[in-house]
C-alpha atoms as a PDB file:
ATOM      1  CA  MET A   1      15.234 -68.559 151.560  1.00  0.00           C
ATOM      2  CA  ASN A   2      14.209 -65.564 153.808  1.00  0.00           C
ATOM      3  CA  ASN A   3      13.742 -62.052 152.532  1.00  0.00           C
ATOM      4  CA  VAL A   4      15.204 -62.664 149.026  1.00  0.00           C
ATOM      5  CA  ALA A   5      12.772 -60.248 147.485  1.00  0.00           C
ATOM      6  CA  GLN A   6      13.648 -57.535 149.969  1.00  0.00           C
ATOM      7  CA  ALA A   7      17.374 -58.139 149.542  1.00  0.00           C
ATOM      8  CA  LEU A   8      16.949 -57.968 145.729  1.00  0.00           C
ATOM      9  CA  TRP A   9      15.043 -54.659 146.095  1.00  0.00           C
ATOM     10  CA  VAL A  10      17.880 -53.250 148.107  1.00  0.00           C
ATOM     11  CA  GLU A  11      20.489 -54.312 145.541  1.00  0.00           C
ATOM     12  CA  MET A  12      18.514 -52.787 142.731  1.00  0.00           C
ATOM     13  CA  LEU A  13      18.178 -49.549 144.714  1.00  0.00           C
ATOM     14  CA  LYS A  14      21.952 -49.446 145.191  1.00  0.00           C
ATOM     15  CA  ALA A  15      22.570 -49.928 141.484  1.00  0.00           C
ATOM     16  CA  ARG A  16      19.994 -47.292 140.587  1.00  0.00           C
ATOM     17  CA  ARG A  17      21.639 -44.717 142.770  1.00  0.00           C
ATOM     18  CA  SER A  18      25.098 -45.345 141.388  1.00  0.00           C
ATOM     19  CA  ARG A  19      26.732 -44.372 138.055  1.00  0.00           C
ATOM     20  CA  MET A  20      27.699 -47.877 137.314  1.00  0.00           C
ATOM     21  CA  PRO A  21      24.627 -48.841 135.232  1.00  0.00           C
ATOM     22  CA  TRP A  22      25.203 -45.829 132.923  1.00  0.00           C
ATOM     23  CA  VAL A  23      28.902 -46.688 132.634  1.00  0.00           C
ATOM     24  CA  THR A  24      27.980 -50.239 131.537  1.00  0.00           C
ATOM     25  CA  VAL A  25      25.281 -48.892 129.126  1.00  0.00           C
ATOM     26  CA  LEU A  26      27.773 -46.557 127.549  1.00  0.00           C
ATOM     27  CA  GLY A  27      30.392 -49.325 127.264  1.00  0.00           C
ATOM     28  CA  PHE A  28      28.003 -51.724 125.615  1.00  0.00           C
ATOM     29  CA  SER A  29      26.609 -49.097 123.292  1.00  0.00           C
ATOM     30  CA  LEU A  30      30.085 -48.536 121.835  1.00  0.00           C
ATOM     31  CA  ILE A  31      30.022 -52.133 120.382  1.00  0.00           C
ATOM     32  CA  PRO A  32      27.202 -51.486 117.813  1.00  0.00           C
ATOM     33  CA  LEU A  33      28.591 -47.974 117.136  1.00  0.00           C
ATOM     34  CA  VAL A  34      31.966 -49.368 116.270  1.00  0.00           C
ATOM     35  CA  GLY A  35      30.308 -52.117 114.148  1.00  0.00           C
ATOM     36  CA  GLY A  36      28.269 -49.382 112.342  1.00  0.00           C
ATOM     37  CA  LEU A  37      31.488 -47.426 111.677  1.00  0.00           C
ATOM     38  CA  PHE A  38      32.934 -50.531 110.052  1.00  0.00           C
ATOM     39  CA  MET A  39      29.828 -50.868 107.934  1.00  0.00           C
ATOM     40  CA  ILE A  40      30.172 -47.275 106.698  1.00  0.00           C
ATOM     41  CA  ILE A  41      33.857 -47.932 105.859  1.00  0.00           C
ATOM     42  CA  LEU A  42      32.998 -51.053 103.936  1.00  0.00           C
ATOM     43  CA  LYS A  43      30.137 -49.343 102.086  1.00  0.00           C
ATOM     44  CA  ASP A  44      32.351 -46.460 100.917  1.00  0.00           C
ATOM     45  CA  PRO A  45      36.100 -47.036 101.315  1.00  0.00           C
ATOM     46  CA  GLY A  46      36.832 -43.871  99.366  1.00  0.00           C
ATOM     47  CA  LEU A  47      34.780 -41.704 101.810  1.00  0.00           C
ATOM     48  CA  ALA A  48      36.536 -43.475 104.670  1.00  0.00           C
ATOM     49  CA  ARG A  49      39.999 -42.618 103.267  1.00  0.00           C
ATOM     50  CA  ARG A  50      39.051 -39.020 102.706  1.00  0.00           C
ATOM     51  CA  VAL A  51      37.907 -38.553 106.271  1.00  0.00           C
ATOM     52  CA  GLY A  52      40.943 -40.310 107.756  1.00  0.00           C
ATOM     53  CA  LEU A  53      39.471 -43.709 108.537  1.00  0.00           C
ATOM     54  CA  ILE A  54      41.424 -46.896 107.971  1.00  0.00           C
ATOM     55  CA  SER A  55      39.389 -49.035 105.530  1.00  0.00           C
ATOM     56  CA  ALA A  56      41.883 -51.894 105.102  1.00  0.00           C
ATOM     57  CA  LYS A  57      41.544 -52.963 108.863  1.00  0.00           C
ATOM     58  CA  ALA A  58      37.758 -52.974 108.655  1.00  0.00           C
ATOM     59  CA  GLN A  59      37.770 -55.023 105.326  1.00  0.00           C
ATOM     60  CA  ILE A  60      40.063 -57.519 106.997  1.00  0.00           C
ATOM     61  CA  MET A  61      37.748 -57.974 109.964  1.00  0.00           C
ATOM     62  CA  MET A  62      34.427 -58.006 108.060  1.00  0.00           C
ATOM     63  CA  ALA A  63      33.424 -59.355 104.661  1.00  0.00           C
ATOM     64  CA  ALA A  64      30.618 -57.063 103.561  1.00  0.00           C
ATOM     65  CA  ALA A  65      28.335 -54.250 104.639  1.00  0.00           C
ATOM     66  CA  ASP A  66      25.239 -56.209 105.362  1.00  0.00           C
ATOM     67  CA  TRP A  67      23.102 -57.280 108.278  1.00  0.00           C
ATOM     68  CA  PRO A  68      24.536 -60.844 108.723  1.00  0.00           C
ATOM     69  CA  THR A  69      28.111 -59.482 108.907  1.00  0.00           C
ATOM     70  CA  TYR A  70      27.054 -56.668 111.181  1.00  0.00           C
ATOM     71  CA  LEU A  71      25.114 -58.762 113.619  1.00  0.00           C
ATOM     72  CA  GLY A  72      27.710 -61.451 113.561  1.00  0.00           C
ATOM     73  CA  PHE A  73      30.234 -58.870 114.594  1.00  0.00           C
ATOM     74  CA  LEU A  74      28.139 -58.022 117.618  1.00  0.00           C
ATOM     75  CA  THR A  75      27.863 -61.677 118.564  1.00  0.00           C
ATOM     76  CA  MET A  76      31.683 -62.105 118.337  1.00  0.00           C
ATOM     77  CA  ALA A  77      32.149 -58.956 120.428  1.00  0.00           C
ATOM     78  CA  VAL A  78      30.010 -60.352 123.242  1.00  0.00           C
ATOM     79  CA  GLY A  79      31.708 -63.769 122.974  1.00  0.00           C
ATOM     80  CA  ALA A  80      35.173 -62.233 123.098  1.00  0.00           C
ATOM     81  CA  GLY A  81      34.713 -59.249 125.467  1.00  0.00           C
ATOM     82  CA  GLY A  82      31.481 -60.030 127.344  1.00  0.00           C
ATOM     83  CA  THR A  83      33.418 -61.502 130.284  1.00  0.00           C
ATOM     84  CA  ILE A  84      35.045 -58.112 130.775  1.00  0.00           C
ATOM     85  CA  PHE A  85      31.724 -56.133 130.881  1.00  0.00           C
ATOM     86  CA  PHE A  86      29.878 -58.724 132.875  1.00  0.00           C
ATOM     87  CA  GLY A  87      32.913 -59.206 135.114  1.00  0.00           C
ATOM     88  CA  LEU A  88      32.909 -55.504 135.948  1.00  0.00           C
ATOM     89  CA  ILE A  89      29.368 -55.772 136.887  1.00  0.00           C
ATOM     90  CA  VAL A  90      29.782 -58.638 139.283  1.00  0.00           C
ATOM     91  CA  SER A  91      32.953 -57.085 140.661  1.00  0.00           C
ATOM     92  CA  TRP A  92      31.043 -53.904 141.570  1.00  0.00           C
ATOM     93  CA  VAL A  93      28.048 -55.760 142.886  1.00  0.00           C
ATOM     94  CA  PHE A  94      30.048 -57.927 145.281  1.00  0.00           C
ATOM     95  CA  GLY A  95      33.169 -55.783 145.804  1.00  0.00           C
ATOM     96  CA  ARG A  96      31.552 -52.445 146.702  1.00  0.00           C
ATOM     97  CA  GLU A  97      30.406 -53.693 150.040  1.00  0.00           C
ATOM     98  CA  TYR A  98      34.017 -54.052 151.129  1.00  0.00           C
ATOM     99  CA  SER A  99      35.316 -50.917 149.432  1.00  0.00           C
ATOM    100  CA  ASP A 100      32.539 -48.792 151.001  1.00  0.00           C
ATOM    101  CA  ARG A 101      32.962 -50.625 154.347  1.00  0.00           C
ATOM    102  CA  THR A 102      29.245 -51.464 154.469  1.00  0.00           C
ATOM    103  CA  VAL A 103      29.546 -55.258 154.696  1.00  0.00           C
ATOM    104  CA  LYS A 104      29.346 -55.410 158.451  1.00  0.00           C
ATOM    105  CA  ASP A 105      26.262 -53.312 158.405  1.00  0.00           C
ATOM    106  CA  LEU A 106      24.784 -55.427 155.647  1.00  0.00           C
ATOM    107  CA  LEU A 107      25.369 -58.662 157.629  1.00  0.00           C
ATOM    108  CA  ALA A 108      23.821 -57.153 160.717  1.00  0.00           C
ATOM    109  CA  LEU A 109      20.455 -56.893 158.965  1.00  0.00           C
ATOM    110  CA  PRO A 110      17.763 -59.538 159.705  1.00  0.00           C
ATOM    111  CA  THR A 111      18.434 -61.145 156.284  1.00  0.00           C
ATOM    112  CA  SER A 112      20.271 -64.427 155.813  1.00  0.00           C
ATOM    113  CA  ARG A 113      23.694 -64.252 154.087  1.00  0.00           C
ATOM    114  CA  SER A 114      22.393 -66.698 151.502  1.00  0.00           C
ATOM    115  CA  ALA A 115      19.510 -64.351 150.655  1.00  0.00           C
ATOM    116  CA  ILE A 116      21.926 -61.540 150.162  1.00  0.00           C
ATOM    117  CA  VAL A 117      24.222 -63.565 147.877  1.00  0.00           C
ATOM    118  CA  LEU A 118      21.291 -64.862 145.827  1.00  0.00           C
ATOM    119  CA  ALA A 119      19.943 -61.357 145.421  1.00  0.00           C
ATOM    120  CA  LYS A 120      23.325 -60.126 144.196  1.00  0.00           C
ATOM    121  CA  PHE A 121      23.586 -63.012 141.619  1.00  0.00           C
ATOM    122  CA  ALA A 122      20.008 -62.230 140.444  1.00  0.00           C
ATOM    123  CA  LEU A 123      20.852 -58.525 139.909  1.00  0.00           C
ATOM    124  CA  VAL A 124      24.009 -59.559 137.991  1.00  0.00           C
ATOM    125  CA  VAL A 125      21.977 -61.896 135.757  1.00  0.00           C
ATOM    126  CA  ALA A 126      19.177 -59.281 135.138  1.00  0.00           C
ATOM    127  CA  TRP A 127      21.636 -56.499 134.591  1.00  0.00           C
ATOM    128  CA  SER A 128      23.809 -58.423 132.081  1.00  0.00           C
ATOM    129  CA  ALA A 129      20.647 -59.730 130.186  1.00  0.00           C
ATOM    130  CA  ALA A 130      19.343 -56.166 129.990  1.00  0.00           C
ATOM    131  CA  LEU A 131      22.596 -54.887 128.550  1.00  0.00           C
ATOM    132  CA  THR A 132      22.558 -57.689 125.917  1.00  0.00           C
ATOM    133  CA  ALA A 133      19.073 -56.824 124.921  1.00  0.00           C
ATOM    134  CA  MET A 134      19.849 -53.219 124.713  1.00  0.00           C
ATOM    135  CA  LEU A 135      22.890 -54.052 122.622  1.00  0.00           C
ATOM    136  CA  TYR A 136      20.668 -55.731 120.066  1.00  0.00           C
ATOM    137  CA  LEU A 137      18.172 -52.905 119.905  1.00  0.00           C
ATOM    138  CA  VAL A 138      20.878 -50.255 119.561  1.00  0.00           C
ATOM    139  CA  ALA A 139      22.364 -52.387 116.715  1.00  0.00           C
ATOM    140  CA  LEU A 140      19.037 -52.520 114.880  1.00  0.00           C
ATOM    141  CA  CYS A 141      18.751 -48.688 115.042  1.00  0.00           C
ATOM    142  CA  VAL A 142      22.399 -48.209 113.917  1.00  0.00           C
ATOM    143  CA  GLY A 143      22.157 -50.693 111.128  1.00  0.00           C
ATOM    144  CA  ALA A 144      18.956 -48.860 109.851  1.00  0.00           C
ATOM    145  CA  ALA A 145      20.641 -45.613 110.159  1.00  0.00           C
ATOM    146  CA  VAL A 146      23.655 -46.776 108.177  1.00  0.00           C
ATOM    147  CA  GLY A 147      21.351 -48.070 105.522  1.00  0.00           C
ATOM    148  CA  LEU A 148      22.302 -51.755 105.410  1.00  0.00           C
ATOM    149  CA  PRO A 149      20.505 -53.782 102.704  1.00  0.00           C
ATOM    150  CA  GLN A 150      17.135 -55.303 103.616  1.00  0.00           C
ATOM    151  CA  VAL A 151      17.122 -59.028 104.483  1.00  0.00           C
ATOM    152  CA  SER A 152      14.446 -61.505 105.633  1.00  0.00           C
ATOM    153  CA  ARG A 153      13.113 -61.629 109.093  1.00  0.00           C
ATOM    154  CA  HIS A 154      14.880 -64.991 109.484  1.00  0.00           C
ATOM    155  CA  VAL A 155      18.250 -63.294 109.565  1.00  0.00           C
ATOM    156  CA  PHE A 156      17.298 -61.132 112.510  1.00  0.00           C
ATOM    157  CA  VAL A 157      15.857 -64.015 114.478  1.00  0.00           C
ATOM    158  CA  GLN A 158      18.810 -66.261 113.816  1.00  0.00           C
ATOM    159  CA  SER A 159      21.220 -63.532 114.878  1.00  0.00           C
ATOM    160  CA  GLY A 160      19.225 -62.660 117.827  1.00  0.00           C
ATOM    161  CA  VAL A 161      19.195 -66.320 118.984  1.00  0.00           C
ATOM    162  CA  ALA A 162      22.966 -66.586 118.368  1.00  0.00           C
ATOM    163  CA  LEU A 163      23.566 -63.473 120.457  1.00  0.00           C
ATOM    164  CA  ALA A 164      21.347 -64.699 123.275  1.00  0.00           C
ATOM    165  CA  ILE A 165      23.095 -68.088 123.440  1.00  0.00           C
ATOM    166  CA  THR A 166      26.449 -66.387 123.396  1.00  0.00           C
ATOM    167  CA  ALA A 167      25.331 -64.167 126.347  1.00  0.00           C
ATOM    168  CA  CYS A 168      23.959 -67.267 128.125  1.00  0.00           C
ATOM    169  CA  LEU A 169      27.402 -68.934 127.818  1.00  0.00           C
ATOM    170  CA  THR A 170      29.226 -65.819 128.928  1.00  0.00           C
ATOM    171  CA  ILE A 171      27.130 -64.595 131.948  1.00  0.00           C
ATOM    172  CA  PRO A 172      27.506 -67.791 133.994  1.00  0.00           C
ATOM    173  CA  LEU A 173      31.239 -67.623 133.786  1.00  0.00           C
ATOM    174  CA  VAL A 174      31.424 -64.455 135.914  1.00  0.00           C
ATOM    175  CA  THR A 175      30.324 -66.409 139.106  1.00  0.00           C
ATOM    176  CA  PRO A 176      33.931 -67.312 140.001  1.00  0.00           C
ATOM    177  CA  ILE A 177      34.650 -63.563 139.794  1.00  0.00           C
ATOM    178  CA  ALA A 178      32.086 -62.965 142.530  1.00  0.00           C
ATOM    179  CA  PHE A 179      34.138 -65.356 144.786  1.00  0.00           C
ATOM    180  CA  PHE A 180      37.249 -63.377 144.110  1.00  0.00           C
ATOM    181  CA  ALA A 181      35.503 -60.074 144.922  1.00  0.00           C
ATOM    182  CA  SER A 182      34.233 -61.616 148.171  1.00  0.00           C
ATOM    183  CA  ALA A 183      37.408 -63.313 149.270  1.00  0.00           C
ATOM    184  CA  GLY A 184      39.551 -60.460 148.046  1.00  0.00           C
ATOM    185  CA  HIS A 185      37.430 -57.835 149.934  1.00  0.00           C
ATOM    186  CA  GLY A 186      37.193 -55.233 147.002  1.00  0.00           C
ATOM    187  CA  TYR A 187      37.480 -54.538 143.306  1.00  0.00           C
ATOM    188  CA  LEU A 188      41.127 -55.318 142.478  1.00  0.00           C
ATOM    189  CA  PRO A 189      41.135 -59.083 142.987  1.00  0.00           C
ATOM    190  CA  PRO A 190      38.123 -59.707 140.746  1.00  0.00           C
ATOM    191  CA  ILE A 191      39.407 -57.362 138.075  1.00  0.00           C
ATOM    192  CA  GLY A 192      42.670 -59.173 138.077  1.00  0.00           C
ATOM    193  CA  ALA A 193      40.807 -62.526 137.744  1.00  0.00           C
ATOM    194  CA  VAL A 194      38.892 -61.196 134.805  1.00  0.00           C
ATOM    195  CA  LEU A 195      42.110 -60.063 133.102  1.00  0.00           C
ATOM    196  CA  LEU A 196      43.855 -63.372 133.859  1.00  0.00           C
ATOM    197  CA  ALA A 197      40.816 -65.326 132.485  1.00  0.00           C
ATOM    198  CA  MET A 198      40.857 -63.293 129.298  1.00  0.00           C
ATOM    199  CA  GLY A 199      44.529 -63.652 128.857  1.00  0.00           C
ATOM    200  CA  LEU A 200      44.500 -67.399 129.358  1.00  0.00           C
ATOM    201  CA  ALA A 201      41.525 -67.668 126.987  1.00  0.00           C
ATOM    202  CA  GLN A 202      43.631 -66.104 124.212  1.00  0.00           C
ATOM    203  CA  VAL A 203      46.638 -68.324 124.871  1.00  0.00           C
ATOM    204  CA  ILE A 204      44.742 -71.536 125.199  1.00  0.00           C
ATOM    205  CA  ALA A 205      42.749 -70.757 122.000  1.00  0.00           C
ATOM    206  CA  LEU A 206      46.113 -70.398 120.207  1.00  0.00           C
ATOM    207  CA  LEU A 207      47.055 -73.842 121.534  1.00  0.00           C
ATOM    208  CA  GLY A 208      43.892 -75.278 120.016  1.00  0.00           C
ATOM    209  CA  TRP A 209      42.159 -76.201 123.330  1.00  0.00           C
ATOM    210  CA  ALA A 210      39.557 -73.411 123.273  1.00  0.00           C
ATOM    211  CA  ASP A 211      36.651 -75.916 123.416  1.00  0.00           C
ATOM    212  CA  TYR A 212      37.672 -77.014 126.884  1.00  0.00           C
ATOM    213  CA  PHE A 213      38.666 -73.803 128.672  1.00  0.00           C
ATOM    214  CA  PRO A 214      35.544 -72.017 130.059  1.00  0.00           C
ATOM    215  CA  TRP A 215      36.318 -68.434 129.036  1.00  0.00           C
ATOM    216  CA  SER A 216      37.311 -69.433 125.543  1.00  0.00           C
ATOM    217  CA  ILE A 217      34.032 -71.346 124.835  1.00  0.00           C
ATOM    218  CA  PRO A 218      31.692 -68.292 124.236  1.00  0.00           C
ATOM    219  CA  GLY A 219      34.091 -66.996 121.619  1.00  0.00           C
ATOM    220  CA  VAL A 220      34.299 -70.279 119.826  1.00  0.00           C
ATOM    221  CA  TYR A 221      30.492 -70.459 119.685  1.00  0.00           C
ATOM    222  CA  ALA A 222      30.205 -66.755 118.549  1.00  0.00           C
ATOM    223  CA  GLN A 223      32.534 -67.576 115.592  1.00  0.00           C
ATOM    224  CA  GLY A 224      30.201 -70.394 114.446  1.00  0.00           C
ATOM    225  CA  GLY A 225      32.373 -73.196 115.964  1.00  0.00           C
ATOM    226  CA  ASP A 226      30.738 -76.502 116.583  1.00  0.00           C
ATOM    227  CA  LEU A 227      31.074 -77.104 120.320  1.00  0.00           C
ATOM    228  CA  PRO A 228      31.080 -80.560 121.937  1.00  0.00           C
ATOM    229  CA  ILE A 229      28.725 -81.430 124.732  1.00  0.00           C
ATOM    230  CA  ALA A 230      31.661 -81.269 127.021  1.00  0.00           C
ATOM    231  CA  SER A 231      31.978 -77.512 126.441  1.00  0.00           C
ATOM    232  CA  TYR A 232      28.498 -76.803 127.670  1.00  0.00           C
ATOM    233  CA  ALA A 233      29.079 -79.021 130.674  1.00  0.00           C
ATOM    234  CA  ILE A 234      32.308 -77.113 131.416  1.00  0.00           C
ATOM    235  CA  VAL A 235      30.496 -73.827 131.394  1.00  0.00           C
ATOM    236  CA  PHE A 236      27.829 -75.156 133.661  1.00  0.00           C
ATOM    237  CA  LEU A 237      30.202 -76.688 136.190  1.00  0.00           C
ATOM    238  CA  THR A 238      32.364 -73.547 136.274  1.00  0.00           C
ATOM    239  CA  SER A 239      29.194 -71.575 137.011  1.00  0.00           C
ATOM    240  CA  VAL A 240      28.173 -73.863 139.827  1.00  0.00           C
ATOM    241  CA  ALA A 241      31.627 -73.873 141.299  1.00  0.00           C
ATOM    242  CA  GLY A 242      31.577 -70.033 141.383  1.00  0.00           C
ATOM    243  CA  ILE A 243      28.141 -69.920 142.927  1.00  0.00           C
ATOM    244  CA  ALA A 244      28.999 -72.566 145.484  1.00  0.00           C
ATOM    245  CA  GLY A 245      32.337 -70.952 146.409  1.00  0.00           C
ATOM    246  CA  THR A 246      30.701 -67.570 146.822  1.00  0.00           C
ATOM    247  CA  PHE A 247      27.818 -68.895 148.978  1.00  0.00           C
ATOM    248  CA  LEU A 248      30.295 -70.852 151.181  1.00  0.00           C
ATOM    249  CA  TRP A 249      32.498 -67.829 151.649  1.00  0.00           C
ATOM    250  CA  TRP A 250      29.688 -65.585 152.763  1.00  0.00           C
ATOM    251  CA  GLU A 251      28.254 -68.259 155.047  1.00  0.00           C
ATOM    252  CA  SER A 252      31.499 -69.428 156.738  1.00  0.00           C
ATOM    253  CA  ALA A 253      34.086 -66.669 156.329  1.00  0.00           C
ATOM    254  CA  ASP A 254      34.755 -64.246 159.250  1.00  0.00           C
ATOM    255  CA  GLN A 255      33.374 -60.931 157.773  1.00  0.00           C
ATOM    256  CA  THR A 256      35.461 -58.547 159.804  1.00  0.00           C
ATOM    257  CA  HIS A 257      36.303 -55.999 157.143  1.00  0.00           C
END
């Protein structure tokens, strides 16, 4: 595929010159900070009550102020809310070309449309993976600052692997969002698709079919659920469908906007 490296460099340059990476870093950083706050509440409920924090809610959500609980909270947060953060990234990467009215200029370049789409997907994956790694590193710093009890190295490795797998189940599910950003010519359609997917994930989980709805599957895994092989296949097929739809749109649609 021609000029993929050049197209990826351009996409990275666009991201670097925007505020969006810092917005996503700030948003992801809130997850370990909130988890650290819950740990403080669990360690000293009396202090939490004195400063006006609600300890009962934290105690309901978490069992104890320790590393397994804290890191488990991070994994569940990525499983439940990662689609929103990663969906915002893919919405920006694909939708900004239409909102900024640069799509016609982009397609006039001596670079194939497939190379442009591939570069955009590569940026989304790298960006999302970097945020996940940053989340874990920030969590380690916050947990140490809170003073969580020491545990064996195995706990950190196991939690890191669980977080990585949850992210690997979540990131591929944003590829259909790229199609909505492209076909919808902007930000609003993909954001609406993200909200719809998250809403349906909650409803379907309540009905007991979470193992077979793509956007519910990461949350099930993050909570320690035993997923059937079909769940992994569904995530894979959903990702492939999103990639194929986006490529076909860019290759065949009349890009007049």
